[in-house]
Amino acid sequence: MESLNNHELIEEKPSEPRRARPLMMVVSAPSGAGKSTLCNRLVAEFPNVIYSVSCTTRAPRGDEQDTVHYYFMTKKEFKERIKNGEFLEHAKVHGNFYGTLEDTVLYAMDEGNHVLLDIDVQGAAQLRDSLVRLDPRNPIRRGFTDIFISPPSTEELEKRLIGRGTDGERVIKKRLQNAKEEMEHASKYSFQIVNDDLETAYADFKTVILSAMGQS
């Protein structure tokens, strides 16, 4: 009777799918470029992509809940955390502080989530500076991905801002000036997407994210 080798008696088990590397995704864009639409669509499609919960010293508005919409804290506590180097980025806007805590992002990533930060170019620059002080093995540093969303032109951006019907001529003019200044920083981002057609832009956006996750 013919004998069988041991390896012939053992059925090969299918390999488990590789777990996607947790990302910290920073997305910036001028007002009216479609950033919020693209980010909201990504979060709706992928349950493990979540928005980062920021800290603020302003009072809650309406139905806002602590730890859900923001981490609400006093100015004294916020400044103490700045002093301790706990923020990846922070800014003072209209008299109130806003910022992203390193621990908040790390906790979400440890839970297997990809963290999405909808943030301006100044905040993104602070985050890049923060990466330098982090250990190369830190999940935030390893998973950092930054994307800039641009309109096809300033003329098209102006049409979109006017079409929204929410701002007066003076505000629109200011937004356009800010947009020109923000777009000068686009080359500092690892990826740049032009939102000319929403479906095409979202497909490009998703391709970048899946590639960064290692699922392309």
C-alpha atoms as a PDB file:
ATOM      1  CA  MET A   1       0.000   0.000   0.000  1.00  0.00           C
ATOM      2  CA  GLU A   2       1.379   3.350  -1.016  1.00  0.00           C
ATOM      3  CA  SER A   3       2.170   5.648   1.880  1.00  0.00           C
ATOM      4  CA  LEU A   4       1.345   9.355   1.951  1.00  0.00           C
ATOM      5  CA  ASN A   5       3.639  12.121   3.120  1.00  0.00           C
ATOM      6  CA  ASN A   6       2.481  14.076   6.149  1.00  0.00           C
ATOM      7  CA  HIS A   7       1.961  17.236   4.160  1.00  0.00           C
ATOM      8  CA  GLU A   8      -0.452  15.375   1.880  1.00  0.00           C
ATOM      9  CA  LEU A   9      -2.667  14.544   4.870  1.00  0.00           C
ATOM     10  CA  ILE A  10      -2.986  18.147   6.009  1.00  0.00           C
ATOM     11  CA  GLU A  11      -5.443  20.370   4.227  1.00  0.00           C
ATOM     12  CA  GLU A  12      -4.048  23.790   3.561  1.00  0.00           C
ATOM     13  CA  LYS A  13      -6.031  26.457   5.403  1.00  0.00           C
ATOM     14  CA  PRO A  14      -6.995  29.550   3.450  1.00  0.00           C
ATOM     15  CA  SER A  15      -4.992  32.552   4.510  1.00  0.00           C
ATOM     16  CA  GLU A  16      -6.846  35.190   6.481  1.00  0.00           C
ATOM     17  CA  PRO A  17      -7.344  38.531   4.757  1.00  0.00           C
ATOM     18  CA  ARG A  18      -4.718  41.064   5.701  1.00  0.00           C
ATOM     19  CA  ARG A  19      -5.989  43.719   8.076  1.00  0.00           C
ATOM     20  CA  ALA A  20      -5.877  47.179   6.549  1.00  0.00           C
ATOM     21  CA  ARG A  21      -3.350  49.539   8.072  1.00  0.00           C
ATOM     22  CA  PRO A  22      -5.147  52.224  10.132  1.00  0.00           C
ATOM     23  CA  LEU A  23      -4.908  55.625   8.503  1.00  0.00           C
ATOM     24  CA  MET A  24      -5.050  59.175   9.737  1.00  0.00           C
ATOM     25  CA  MET A  25      -6.411  60.979   6.699  1.00  0.00           C
ATOM     26  CA  VAL A  26      -6.072  64.752   6.498  1.00  0.00           C
ATOM     27  CA  VAL A  27      -8.261  66.397   3.868  1.00  0.00           C
ATOM     28  CA  SER A  28      -8.094  70.108   3.021  1.00  0.00           C
ATOM     29  CA  ALA A  29      -9.795  72.263   0.415  1.00  0.00           C
ATOM     30  CA  PRO A  30     -11.041  75.789  -0.200  1.00  0.00           C
ATOM     31  CA  SER A  31     -14.653  76.501   0.718  1.00  0.00           C
ATOM     32  CA  GLY A  32     -16.889  75.339  -2.132  1.00  0.00           C
ATOM     33  CA  ALA A  33     -14.505  72.722  -3.542  1.00  0.00           C
ATOM     34  CA  GLY A  34     -16.726  69.840  -2.382  1.00  0.00           C
ATOM     35  CA  LYS A  35     -14.572  68.512   0.450  1.00  0.00           C
ATOM     36  CA  SER A  36     -17.448  67.909   2.876  1.00  0.00           C
ATOM     37  CA  THR A  37     -19.503  66.097   0.235  1.00  0.00           C
ATOM     38  CA  LEU A  38     -16.620  63.759  -0.607  1.00  0.00           C
ATOM     39  CA  CYS A  39     -15.709  63.108   3.038  1.00  0.00           C
ATOM     40  CA  ASN A  40     -19.314  62.472   4.112  1.00  0.00           C
ATOM     41  CA  ARG A  41     -19.753  60.032   1.244  1.00  0.00           C
ATOM     42  CA  LEU A  42     -16.593  58.156   2.240  1.00  0.00           C
ATOM     43  CA  VAL A  43     -17.736  57.889   5.870  1.00  0.00           C
ATOM     44  CA  ALA A  44     -21.174  56.668   4.745  1.00  0.00           C
ATOM     45  CA  GLU A  45     -19.665  53.951   2.526  1.00  0.00           C
ATOM     46  CA  PHE A  46     -16.988  52.696   4.933  1.00  0.00           C
ATOM     47  CA  PRO A  47     -18.159  52.039   8.537  1.00  0.00           C
ATOM     48  CA  ASN A  48     -14.579  51.925   9.821  1.00  0.00           C
ATOM     49  CA  VAL A  49     -13.798  55.422   8.509  1.00  0.00           C
ATOM     50  CA  ILE A  50     -14.748  57.946  11.190  1.00  0.00           C
ATOM     51  CA  TYR A  51     -14.354  61.656  11.758  1.00  0.00           C
ATOM     52  CA  SER A  52     -11.915  62.713  14.449  1.00  0.00           C
ATOM     53  CA  VAL A  53     -13.625  64.332  17.440  1.00  0.00           C
ATOM     54  CA  SER A  54     -11.968  67.692  18.106  1.00  0.00           C
ATOM     55  CA  CYS A  55     -11.659  69.633  21.329  1.00  0.00           C
ATOM     56  CA  THR A  56     -13.064  73.123  21.766  1.00  0.00           C
ATOM     57  CA  THR A  57     -13.452  75.750  24.452  1.00  0.00           C
ATOM     58  CA  ARG A  58     -16.702  77.129  23.048  1.00  0.00           C
ATOM     59  CA  ALA A  59     -20.026  76.227  24.623  1.00  0.00           C
ATOM     60  CA  PRO A  60     -22.174  73.418  23.120  1.00  0.00           C
ATOM     61  CA  ARG A  61     -24.755  74.507  20.561  1.00  0.00           C
ATOM     62  CA  GLY A  62     -28.216  73.018  20.164  1.00  0.00           C
ATOM     63  CA  ASP A  63     -28.137  69.237  20.620  1.00  0.00           C
ATOM     64  CA  GLU A  64     -24.337  68.939  20.601  1.00  0.00           C
ATOM     65  CA  GLN A  65     -23.059  66.325  23.041  1.00  0.00           C
ATOM     66  CA  ASP A  66     -19.719  66.110  24.784  1.00  0.00           C
ATOM     67  CA  THR A  67     -17.447  63.346  23.367  1.00  0.00           C
ATOM     68  CA  VAL A  68     -19.791  62.947  20.368  1.00  0.00           C
ATOM     69  CA  HIS A  69     -19.579  66.239  18.497  1.00  0.00           C
ATOM     70  CA  TYR A  70     -16.671  67.755  20.420  1.00  0.00           C
ATOM     71  CA  TYR A  71     -14.717  67.344  23.610  1.00  0.00           C
ATOM     72  CA  PHE A  72     -15.783  70.492  25.435  1.00  0.00           C
ATOM     73  CA  MET A  73     -13.257  71.891  27.899  1.00  0.00           C
ATOM     74  CA  THR A  74     -12.323  75.094  29.673  1.00  0.00           C
ATOM     75  CA  LYS A  75      -9.670  77.443  28.323  1.00  0.00           C
ATOM     76  CA  LYS A  76      -7.528  76.656  31.352  1.00  0.00           C
ATOM     77  CA  GLU A  77      -7.619  72.921  30.601  1.00  0.00           C
ATOM     78  CA  PHE A  78      -7.017  73.504  26.894  1.00  0.00           C
ATOM     79  CA  LYS A  79      -3.973  75.695  27.549  1.00  0.00           C
ATOM     80  CA  GLU A  80      -2.611  73.131  30.000  1.00  0.00           C
ATOM     81  CA  ARG A  81      -2.864  70.447  27.331  1.00  0.00           C
ATOM     82  CA  ILE A  82      -1.092  72.726  24.855  1.00  0.00           C
ATOM     83  CA  LYS A  83       1.693  73.196  27.408  1.00  0.00           C
ATOM     84  CA  ASN A  84       1.959  69.415  27.819  1.00  0.00           C
ATOM     85  CA  GLY A  85       2.254  68.909  24.040  1.00  0.00           C
ATOM     86  CA  GLU A  86      -0.902  66.788  23.833  1.00  0.00           C
ATOM     87  CA  PHE A  87      -2.313  68.355  20.655  1.00  0.00           C
ATOM     88  CA  LEU A  88      -1.363  67.325  17.142  1.00  0.00           C
ATOM     89  CA  GLU A  89      -2.712  70.687  15.994  1.00  0.00           C
ATOM     90  CA  HIS A  90      -4.668  73.543  17.509  1.00  0.00           C
ATOM     91  CA  ALA A  91      -5.870  77.031  16.625  1.00  0.00           C
ATOM     92  CA  LYS A  92      -7.713  79.981  18.087  1.00  0.00           C
ATOM     93  CA  VAL A  93     -10.790  80.958  16.063  1.00  0.00           C
ATOM     94  CA  HIS A  94     -13.106  83.837  17.006  1.00  0.00           C
ATOM     95  CA  GLY A  95     -11.870  83.781  20.593  1.00  0.00           C
ATOM     96  CA  ASN A  96     -12.227  80.031  21.116  1.00  0.00           C
ATOM     97  CA  PHE A  97      -9.659  77.239  20.896  1.00  0.00           C
ATOM     98  CA  TYR A  98     -10.013  74.157  18.697  1.00  0.00           C
ATOM     99  CA  GLY A  99      -7.635  71.229  18.454  1.00  0.00           C
ATOM    100  CA  THR A 100      -6.977  67.543  17.823  1.00  0.00           C
ATOM    101  CA  LEU A 101      -5.578  65.434  20.657  1.00  0.00           C
ATOM    102  CA  GLU A 102      -2.980  62.794  19.843  1.00  0.00           C
ATOM    103  CA  ASP A 103      -4.550  60.346  22.306  1.00  0.00           C
ATOM    104  CA  THR A 104      -7.990  60.714  20.697  1.00  0.00           C
ATOM    105  CA  VAL A 105      -6.638  59.751  17.282  1.00  0.00           C
ATOM    106  CA  LEU A 106      -4.518  56.898  18.664  1.00  0.00           C
ATOM    107  CA  TYR A 107      -7.451  55.413  20.559  1.00  0.00           C
ATOM    108  CA  ALA A 108      -9.646  55.424  17.448  1.00  0.00           C
ATOM    109  CA  MET A 109      -6.872  53.821  15.380  1.00  0.00           C
ATOM    110  CA  ASP A 110      -6.244  51.177  18.066  1.00  0.00           C
ATOM    111  CA  GLU A 111      -9.942  50.290  17.742  1.00  0.00           C
ATOM    112  CA  GLY A 112      -9.311  49.502  14.061  1.00  0.00           C
ATOM    113  CA  ASN A 113     -10.726  52.723  12.632  1.00  0.00           C
ATOM    114  CA  HIS A 114      -9.380  54.997   9.942  1.00  0.00           C
ATOM    115  CA  VAL A 115      -9.542  58.557  11.249  1.00  0.00           C
ATOM    116  CA  LEU A 116     -10.590  61.399   8.964  1.00  0.00           C
ATOM    117  CA  LEU A 117      -9.670  65.016   9.701  1.00  0.00           C
ATOM    118  CA  ASP A 118     -11.445  67.732   7.719  1.00  0.00           C
ATOM    119  CA  ILE A 119      -8.981  70.537   8.367  1.00  0.00           C
ATOM    120  CA  ASP A 120      -7.520  73.704   6.841  1.00  0.00           C
ATOM    121  CA  VAL A 121      -4.019  74.139   5.396  1.00  0.00           C
ATOM    122  CA  GLN A 122      -2.655  75.689   8.611  1.00  0.00           C
ATOM    123  CA  GLY A 123      -3.862  72.739  10.674  1.00  0.00           C
ATOM    124  CA  ALA A 124      -2.411  70.302   8.154  1.00  0.00           C
ATOM    125  CA  ALA A 125       0.956  72.063   8.361  1.00  0.00           C
ATOM    126  CA  GLN A 126       0.905  71.738  12.160  1.00  0.00           C
ATOM    127  CA  LEU A 127       0.133  68.044  11.848  1.00  0.00           C
ATOM    128  CA  ARG A 128       3.096  67.486   9.534  1.00  0.00           C
ATOM    129  CA  ASP A 129       5.327  69.238  12.066  1.00  0.00           C
ATOM    130  CA  SER A 130       3.891  67.017  14.821  1.00  0.00           C
ATOM    131  CA  LEU A 131       4.847  63.879  12.896  1.00  0.00           C
ATOM    132  CA  VAL A 132       8.542  64.723  13.248  1.00  0.00           C
ATOM    133  CA  ARG A 133       8.428  64.367  17.031  1.00  0.00           C
ATOM    134  CA  LEU A 134       6.555  61.042  16.901  1.00  0.00           C
ATOM    135  CA  ASP A 135       8.274  57.674  16.974  1.00  0.00           C
ATOM    136  CA  PRO A 136       8.508  56.191  13.442  1.00  0.00           C
ATOM    137  CA  ARG A 137       6.446  53.225  14.719  1.00  0.00           C
ATOM    138  CA  ASN A 138       3.657  55.483  15.972  1.00  0.00           C
ATOM    139  CA  PRO A 139       0.422  54.549  14.119  1.00  0.00           C
ATOM    140  CA  ILE A 140      -0.311  58.219  13.391  1.00  0.00           C
ATOM    141  CA  ARG A 141       3.031  58.727  11.692  1.00  0.00           C
ATOM    142  CA  ARG A 142       2.810  55.426   9.816  1.00  0.00           C
ATOM    143  CA  GLY A 143      -0.787  56.006   8.759  1.00  0.00           C
ATOM    144  CA  PHE A 144      -0.597  59.692   7.852  1.00  0.00           C
ATOM    145  CA  THR A 145      -2.112  60.486   4.462  1.00  0.00           C
ATOM    146  CA  ASP A 146      -2.911  64.000   3.279  1.00  0.00           C
ATOM    147  CA  ILE A 147      -5.144  64.971   0.360  1.00  0.00           C
ATOM    148  CA  PHE A 148      -5.970  68.355  -1.127  1.00  0.00           C
ATOM    149  CA  ILE A 149      -9.247  68.858  -3.012  1.00  0.00           C
ATOM    150  CA  SER A 150      -9.195  71.631  -5.616  1.00  0.00           C
ATOM    151  CA  PRO A 151     -11.924  73.189  -7.771  1.00  0.00           C
ATOM    152  CA  PRO A 152     -11.264  73.049 -11.529  1.00  0.00           C
ATOM    153  CA  SER A 153     -10.803  76.844 -11.573  1.00  0.00           C
ATOM    154  CA  THR A 154     -11.447  79.945  -9.486  1.00  0.00           C
ATOM    155  CA  GLU A 155     -14.186  80.868 -11.966  1.00  0.00           C
ATOM    156  CA  GLU A 156     -15.994  77.593 -11.309  1.00  0.00           C
ATOM    157  CA  LEU A 157     -15.483  78.019  -7.574  1.00  0.00           C
ATOM    158  CA  GLU A 158     -17.086  81.457  -7.746  1.00  0.00           C
ATOM    159  CA  LYS A 159     -20.087  79.976  -9.593  1.00  0.00           C
ATOM    160  CA  ARG A 160     -20.496  77.325  -6.887  1.00  0.00           C
ATOM    161  CA  LEU A 161     -20.286  79.851  -4.064  1.00  0.00           C
ATOM    162  CA  ILE A 162     -22.847  82.105  -5.737  1.00  0.00           C
ATOM    163  CA  GLY A 163     -25.047  79.095  -6.507  1.00  0.00           C
ATOM    164  CA  ARG A 164     -25.207  78.094  -2.850  1.00  0.00           C
ATOM    165  CA  GLY A 165     -27.071  81.311  -2.161  1.00  0.00           C
ATOM    166  CA  THR A 166     -25.878  81.464   1.442  1.00  0.00           C
ATOM    167  CA  ASP A 167     -23.318  84.262   1.251  1.00  0.00           C
ATOM    168  CA  GLY A 168     -23.321  87.870   0.146  1.00  0.00           C
ATOM    169  CA  GLU A 169     -20.950  89.364  -2.417  1.00  0.00           C
ATOM    170  CA  ARG A 170     -18.509  90.562   0.234  1.00  0.00           C
ATOM    171  CA  VAL A 171     -18.243  87.135   1.876  1.00  0.00           C
ATOM    172  CA  ILE A 172     -17.847  85.399  -1.487  1.00  0.00           C
ATOM    173  CA  LYS A 173     -15.030  87.764  -2.431  1.00  0.00           C
ATOM    174  CA  LYS A 174     -13.272  86.963   0.848  1.00  0.00           C
ATOM    175  CA  ARG A 175     -13.739  83.209   0.332  1.00  0.00           C
ATOM    176  CA  LEU A 176     -12.249  83.459  -3.154  1.00  0.00           C
ATOM    177  CA  GLN A 177      -9.216  85.315  -1.839  1.00  0.00           C
ATOM    178  CA  ASN A 178      -8.754  82.688   0.874  1.00  0.00           C
ATOM    179  CA  ALA A 179      -9.143  79.940  -1.737  1.00  0.00           C
ATOM    180  CA  LYS A 180      -6.321  81.358  -3.861  1.00  0.00           C
ATOM    181  CA  GLU A 181      -4.046  81.456  -0.817  1.00  0.00           C
ATOM    182  CA  GLU A 182      -5.019  77.914   0.236  1.00  0.00           C
ATOM    183  CA  MET A 183      -4.434  76.483  -3.235  1.00  0.00           C
ATOM    184  CA  GLU A 184      -0.849  77.712  -3.083  1.00  0.00           C
ATOM    185  CA  HIS A 185      -0.307  75.007  -0.445  1.00  0.00           C
ATOM    186  CA  ALA A 186      -1.716  72.164  -2.574  1.00  0.00           C
ATOM    187  CA  SER A 187       1.733  70.920  -3.642  1.00  0.00           C
ATOM    188  CA  LYS A 188       2.590  70.182   0.005  1.00  0.00           C
ATOM    189  CA  TYR A 189       0.017  67.373   0.040  1.00  0.00           C
ATOM    190  CA  SER A 190       0.809  63.804  -0.989  1.00  0.00           C
ATOM    191  CA  PHE A 191      -2.293  63.641  -3.179  1.00  0.00           C
ATOM    192  CA  GLN A 192      -4.228  66.279  -5.106  1.00  0.00           C
ATOM    193  CA  ILE A 193      -7.694  65.732  -6.553  1.00  0.00           C
ATOM    194  CA  VAL A 194      -9.531  68.158  -8.834  1.00  0.00           C
ATOM    195  CA  ASN A 195     -13.278  68.085  -8.207  1.00  0.00           C
ATOM    196  CA  ASP A 196     -14.587  68.926 -11.673  1.00  0.00           C
ATOM    197  CA  ASP A 197     -17.103  66.064 -11.799  1.00  0.00           C
ATOM    198  CA  LEU A 198     -18.309  64.748  -8.418  1.00  0.00           C
ATOM    199  CA  GLU A 199     -18.475  61.051  -9.428  1.00  0.00           C
ATOM    200  CA  THR A 200     -14.999  61.136 -10.957  1.00  0.00           C
ATOM    201  CA  ALA A 201     -13.578  63.029  -7.986  1.00  0.00           C
ATOM    202  CA  TYR A 202     -15.089  60.541  -5.535  1.00  0.00           C
ATOM    203  CA  ALA A 203     -13.717  57.597  -7.521  1.00  0.00           C
ATOM    204  CA  ASP A 204     -10.249  59.192  -7.393  1.00  0.00           C
ATOM    205  CA  PHE A 205     -10.660  59.978  -3.700  1.00  0.00           C
ATOM    206  CA  LYS A 206     -11.655  56.399  -2.910  1.00  0.00           C
ATOM    207  CA  THR A 207      -8.786  55.011  -4.992  1.00  0.00           C
ATOM    208  CA  VAL A 208      -6.278  57.050  -2.981  1.00  0.00           C
ATOM    209  CA  ILE A 209      -7.757  55.887   0.322  1.00  0.00           C
ATOM    210  CA  LEU A 210      -7.951  52.197  -0.634  1.00  0.00           C
ATOM    211  CA  SER A 211      -4.387  52.309  -1.934  1.00  0.00           C
ATOM    212  CA  ALA A 212      -3.195  53.850   1.331  1.00  0.00           C
ATOM    213  CA  MET A 213      -5.077  51.138   3.226  1.00  0.00           C
ATOM    214  CA  GLY A 214      -3.236  48.536   1.171  1.00  0.00           C
ATOM    215  CA  GLN A 215      -6.437  47.269  -0.441  1.00  0.00           C
ATOM    216  CA  SER A 216      -5.906  48.429  -4.008  1.00  0.00           C
END
